[in-house]
Amino acid sequence: MTIMYGISNCDTIKKAKKYLTDKQIEFTFHDYRKDGVDLAMVSEFAEHLDWQVLVNKRGTTYKQLSDQQKESLSKDSALALLVTQPAMIKRPVLVHNNKYYLGFKSAHYDEIFA
């Protein structure tokens, strides 16, 4: 089973969904805004992916954090922030055959689905 997590209006998500659709790979899409995010979900992501990489530091949501929030970011505080600010989760998170992947590059997806 393949699950993609993200936000539907994200350009990277659109590219990743198109890739999977074009390759006729069945997947389920979990939209953070419509389907929700909870601590159990982001904690599971952090068990398989480095929490520091999970935080999208290039996005406007992260950039709007105070300097104090950024400097004091720990695993626990980051996961709590990701629950309240799901746009800060780097996208997409892909789960395929119980393995977790972050981001989208077509060459990487070629390897995953080879």
Protein backbone atom coordinates (compact mmCIF):
# COMPACT_ATOMS: atom_id res chain seq x y z
CA MET A 1 0.00 0.00 0.00
CA THR A 2 1.19 3.50 -0.85
CA ILE A 3 0.12 6.62 1.04
CA MET A 4 1.15 10.16 0.21
CA TYR A 5 0.80 12.85 2.86
CA GLY A 6 0.73 16.55 2.09
CA ILE A 7 -1.35 19.56 1.12
CA SER A 8 -3.27 19.33 -2.14
CA ASN A 9 -2.44 22.82 -3.44
CA CYS A 10 1.33 22.32 -3.01
CA ASP A 11 3.20 22.29 -6.35
CA THR A 12 5.51 19.47 -5.23
CA ILE A 13 2.50 17.38 -4.21
CA LYS A 14 0.91 18.02 -7.59
CA LYS A 15 4.08 16.78 -9.34
CA ALA A 16 4.33 13.70 -7.13
CA LYS A 17 0.65 12.84 -7.62
CA LYS A 18 1.03 13.26 -11.39
CA TYR A 19 4.06 10.96 -11.35
CA LEU A 20 2.15 8.22 -9.52
CA THR A 21 -0.94 8.64 -11.70
CA ASP A 22 1.09 8.61 -14.93
CA LYS A 23 2.88 5.42 -13.82
CA GLN A 24 -0.50 3.90 -12.82
CA ILE A 25 0.65 3.41 -9.23
CA GLU A 26 -2.28 3.17 -6.86
CA PHE A 27 -2.02 5.42 -3.82
CA THR A 28 -4.07 7.08 -1.13
CA PHE A 29 -3.64 10.80 -0.53
CA HIS A 30 -3.90 12.18 3.01
CA ASP A 31 -4.44 15.94 2.92
CA TYR A 32 -3.26 17.51 6.18
CA ARG A 33 -5.82 20.29 5.93
CA LYS A 34 -8.82 18.09 5.09
CA ASP A 35 -7.91 14.84 6.87
CA GLY A 36 -6.03 16.32 9.80
CA VAL A 37 -2.71 15.85 11.56
CA ASP A 38 -2.12 14.58 15.07
CA LEU A 39 0.85 13.95 17.33
CA ALA A 40 0.72 10.20 16.70
CA MET A 41 1.11 10.79 12.94
CA VAL A 42 4.04 13.19 13.14
CA SER A 43 5.68 11.04 15.82
CA GLU A 44 5.46 8.06 13.48
CA PHE A 45 7.02 10.13 10.70
CA ALA A 46 9.82 11.13 13.10
CA GLU A 47 10.49 7.47 13.96
CA HIS A 48 11.37 6.82 10.32
CA LEU A 49 12.63 10.22 9.16
CA ASP A 50 14.95 12.69 10.89
CA TRP A 51 12.69 15.24 12.62
CA GLN A 52 15.07 18.05 11.61
CA VAL A 53 14.58 17.18 7.93
CA LEU A 54 10.83 16.79 8.45
CA VAL A 55 10.59 20.50 9.31
CA ASN A 56 10.35 22.55 6.10
CA LYS A 57 12.72 25.42 6.88
CA ARG A 58 12.27 26.99 3.44
CA GLY A 59 8.55 27.65 3.81
CA THR A 60 6.90 30.85 4.95
CA THR A 61 5.35 29.19 8.01
CA TYR A 62 8.79 28.37 9.42
CA LYS A 63 10.17 31.79 8.47
CA GLN A 64 7.35 33.43 10.44
CA LEU A 65 8.44 31.74 13.66
CA SER A 66 10.20 33.96 16.17
CA ASP A 67 13.98 33.68 16.46
CA GLN A 68 13.47 32.25 19.95
CA GLN A 69 11.18 29.50 18.58
CA LYS A 70 13.71 28.62 15.88
CA GLU A 71 16.67 28.58 18.29
CA SER A 72 14.90 26.49 20.92
CA LEU A 73 13.50 23.97 18.49
CA SER A 74 13.79 20.43 19.85
CA LYS A 75 12.24 17.20 18.65
CA ASP A 76 9.28 17.57 21.03
CA SER A 77 8.64 21.24 20.29
CA ALA A 78 9.04 20.65 16.54
CA LEU A 79 6.52 17.79 16.53
CA ALA A 80 4.04 19.89 18.51
CA LEU A 81 4.48 22.73 15.99
CA LEU A 82 3.97 20.36 13.05
CA VAL A 83 0.60 19.35 14.51
CA THR A 84 -0.57 22.96 14.82
CA GLN A 85 1.19 24.13 11.63
CA PRO A 86 1.02 21.22 9.15
CA ALA A 87 2.25 23.46 6.33
CA MET A 88 5.64 23.22 8.08
CA ILE A 89 5.90 19.49 7.31
CA LYS A 90 8.21 18.98 4.36
CA ARG A 91 6.23 17.48 1.48
CA PRO A 92 5.42 14.92 0.42
CA VAL A 93 5.84 12.22 3.02
CA LEU A 94 5.46 8.96 1.11
CA VAL A 95 4.90 5.59 2.75
CA HIS A 96 5.43 2.63 0.44
CA ASN A 97 5.83 -0.96 1.63
CA ASN A 98 6.24 0.32 5.21
CA LYS A 99 9.20 2.51 4.25
CA TYR A 100 9.12 6.28 4.62
CA TYR A 101 10.41 8.78 2.06
CA LEU A 102 10.50 12.56 2.09
CA GLY A 103 10.29 14.99 -0.81
CA PHE A 104 9.83 14.33 -4.51
CA LYS A 105 12.31 13.79 -7.29
CA SER A 106 11.22 11.64 -10.21
CA ALA A 107 14.56 9.75 -10.28
CA HIS A 108 14.12 8.85 -6.60
CA TYR A 109 10.55 7.68 -7.21
CA ASP A 110 11.86 5.60 -10.14
CA GLU A 111 14.09 3.79 -7.64
CA ILE A 112 11.32 3.40 -5.04
CA PHE A 113 8.86 1.91 -7.54
CA ALA A 114 11.33 -0.07 -9.69
